Amino acid sequence: MQVKAESADRRLRLRLSGELDHHAARQLMKSIANELEYALPLEVVLDFSGVTFMDSSGIAVALHTLQQVKQLGGKMRIVNPSAQVKKVFFATGIQRMIEMEDADEK
């Protein structure tokens, strides 16, 4: 699992790629926490376009990131989830807590 960060004007886009399972989740959360600490964003976009597989560990990653972003006073959204990733997210109803978009329009 890899994460590429792009930051400008207190906006942080985190482009995730690879397989997001319990083996990758812990390191990914550390990487995201480091990026949040560095950028101190008010808006975070988790871009799942490069995620080829995700299990329920992805939910923990999203919720952990949301908690950190809220502590910074910011907001977060998820963009470009594949059908498989969206199915995992929707099974838990996470879309009621985190804005989710199929196509990155913003």
Protein backbone atom coordinates (compact mmCIF):
# COMPACT_ATOMS: atom_id res chain seq x y z
CA MET A 1 0.00 0.00 0.00
CA GLN A 2 1.37 3.37 -1.00
CA VAL A 3 0.21 6.90 -0.30
CA LYS A 4 1.16 9.96 -2.31
CA ALA A 5 0.42 13.31 -0.71
CA GLU A 6 -0.27 16.57 -2.52
CA SER A 7 -0.73 19.65 -0.36
CA ALA A 8 -1.63 23.25 -1.18
CA ASP A 9 -3.56 25.99 0.62
CA ARG A 10 -4.30 23.74 3.63
CA ARG A 11 -5.84 21.14 1.31
CA LEU A 12 -4.35 17.68 1.35
CA ARG A 13 -5.02 14.98 -1.25
CA LEU A 14 -3.87 11.51 -0.32
CA ARG A 15 -3.73 9.19 -3.32
CA LEU A 16 -3.83 5.60 -2.14
CA SER A 17 -2.66 2.70 -4.28
CA GLY A 18 -2.34 -1.02 -3.81
CA GLU A 19 -4.18 -3.48 -1.59
CA LEU A 20 -5.62 -2.21 1.67
CA ASP A 21 -5.91 -5.08 4.12
CA HIS A 22 -5.06 -5.58 7.77
CA HIS A 23 -1.37 -6.03 6.90
CA ALA A 24 -1.20 -2.62 5.20
CA ALA A 25 -3.64 -0.65 7.38
CA ARG A 26 -1.40 0.03 10.38
CA GLN A 27 1.46 1.43 8.31
CA LEU A 28 -0.97 3.40 6.16
CA MET A 29 -2.50 5.03 9.25
CA LYS A 30 1.00 6.03 10.40
CA SER A 31 1.81 7.48 6.98
CA ILE A 32 -1.45 9.43 6.88
CA ALA A 33 -0.90 10.73 10.43
CA ASN A 34 2.54 11.99 9.40
CA GLU A 35 1.11 13.76 6.35
CA LEU A 36 -1.63 15.36 8.44
CA GLU A 37 0.88 16.54 11.02
CA TYR A 38 3.06 18.04 8.31
CA ALA A 39 0.30 19.73 6.26
CA LEU A 40 -2.20 20.65 9.04
CA PRO A 41 -4.99 20.65 6.44
CA LEU A 42 -8.50 21.99 6.73
CA GLU A 43 -9.65 19.76 3.87
CA VAL A 44 -8.54 16.19 3.21
CA VAL A 45 -9.37 14.11 0.17
CA LEU A 46 -8.74 10.36 0.36
CA ASP A 47 -8.43 9.27 -3.27
CA PHE A 48 -9.09 5.54 -3.60
CA SER A 49 -8.66 5.40 -7.40
CA GLY A 50 -5.50 3.29 -7.08
CA VAL A 51 -6.83 0.85 -4.48
CA THR A 52 -7.15 -2.57 -6.13
CA PHE A 53 -8.58 -4.38 -3.09
CA MET A 54 -9.90 -3.33 0.30
CA ASP A 55 -11.27 -5.28 3.24
CA SER A 56 -12.84 -3.91 6.42
CA SER A 57 -9.45 -2.51 7.47
CA GLY A 58 -10.11 0.32 5.03
CA ILE A 59 -13.04 1.40 7.18
CA ALA A 60 -10.71 1.71 10.17
CA VAL A 61 -8.28 3.76 8.08
CA ALA A 62 -11.05 6.12 6.92
CA LEU A 63 -12.52 6.56 10.40
CA HIS A 64 -9.10 7.06 12.00
CA THR A 65 -8.27 9.69 9.39
CA LEU A 66 -11.65 11.39 9.90
CA GLN A 67 -11.02 11.58 13.65
CA GLN A 68 -7.62 13.22 13.11
CA VAL A 69 -8.99 15.67 10.54
CA LYS A 70 -11.79 16.70 12.90
CA GLN A 71 -9.22 17.36 15.62
CA LEU A 72 -7.59 19.80 13.20
CA GLY A 73 -10.97 21.47 12.63
CA GLY A 74 -11.14 20.21 9.07
CA LYS A 75 -13.36 18.10 6.86
CA MET A 76 -12.74 15.01 4.79
CA ARG A 77 -14.16 13.26 1.77
CA ILE A 78 -13.50 10.04 -0.11
CA VAL A 79 -13.26 10.10 -3.90
CA ASN A 80 -12.98 7.60 -6.72
CA PRO A 81 -13.70 4.34 -4.88
CA SER A 82 -13.91 1.25 -7.09
CA ALA A 83 -17.10 -0.82 -7.01
CA GLN A 84 -15.47 -3.29 -4.58
CA VAL A 85 -14.23 -0.54 -2.25
CA LYS A 86 -17.61 1.20 -2.36
CA LYS A 87 -19.35 -2.07 -1.47
CA VAL A 88 -17.21 -2.42 1.67
CA PHE A 89 -17.84 1.20 2.68
CA PHE A 90 -21.59 1.03 2.02
CA ALA A 91 -21.94 -2.20 4.02
CA THR A 92 -21.12 -0.15 7.12
CA GLY A 93 -22.99 3.01 6.18
CA ILE A 94 -19.83 5.09 6.31
CA GLN A 95 -21.20 7.33 3.55
CA ARG A 96 -23.48 8.85 6.20
CA MET A 97 -20.39 10.06 8.09
CA ILE A 98 -17.97 10.85 5.26
CA GLU A 99 -18.84 12.48 1.96
CA MET A 100 -18.14 10.08 -0.90
CA GLU A 101 -17.88 10.84 -4.61
CA ASP A 102 -17.52 8.49 -7.58
CA ALA A 103 -15.77 11.06 -9.73
CA ASP A 104 -13.47 13.72 -8.31
CA GLU A 105 -15.33 16.85 -9.32
CA LYS A 106 -13.98 19.32 -6.74
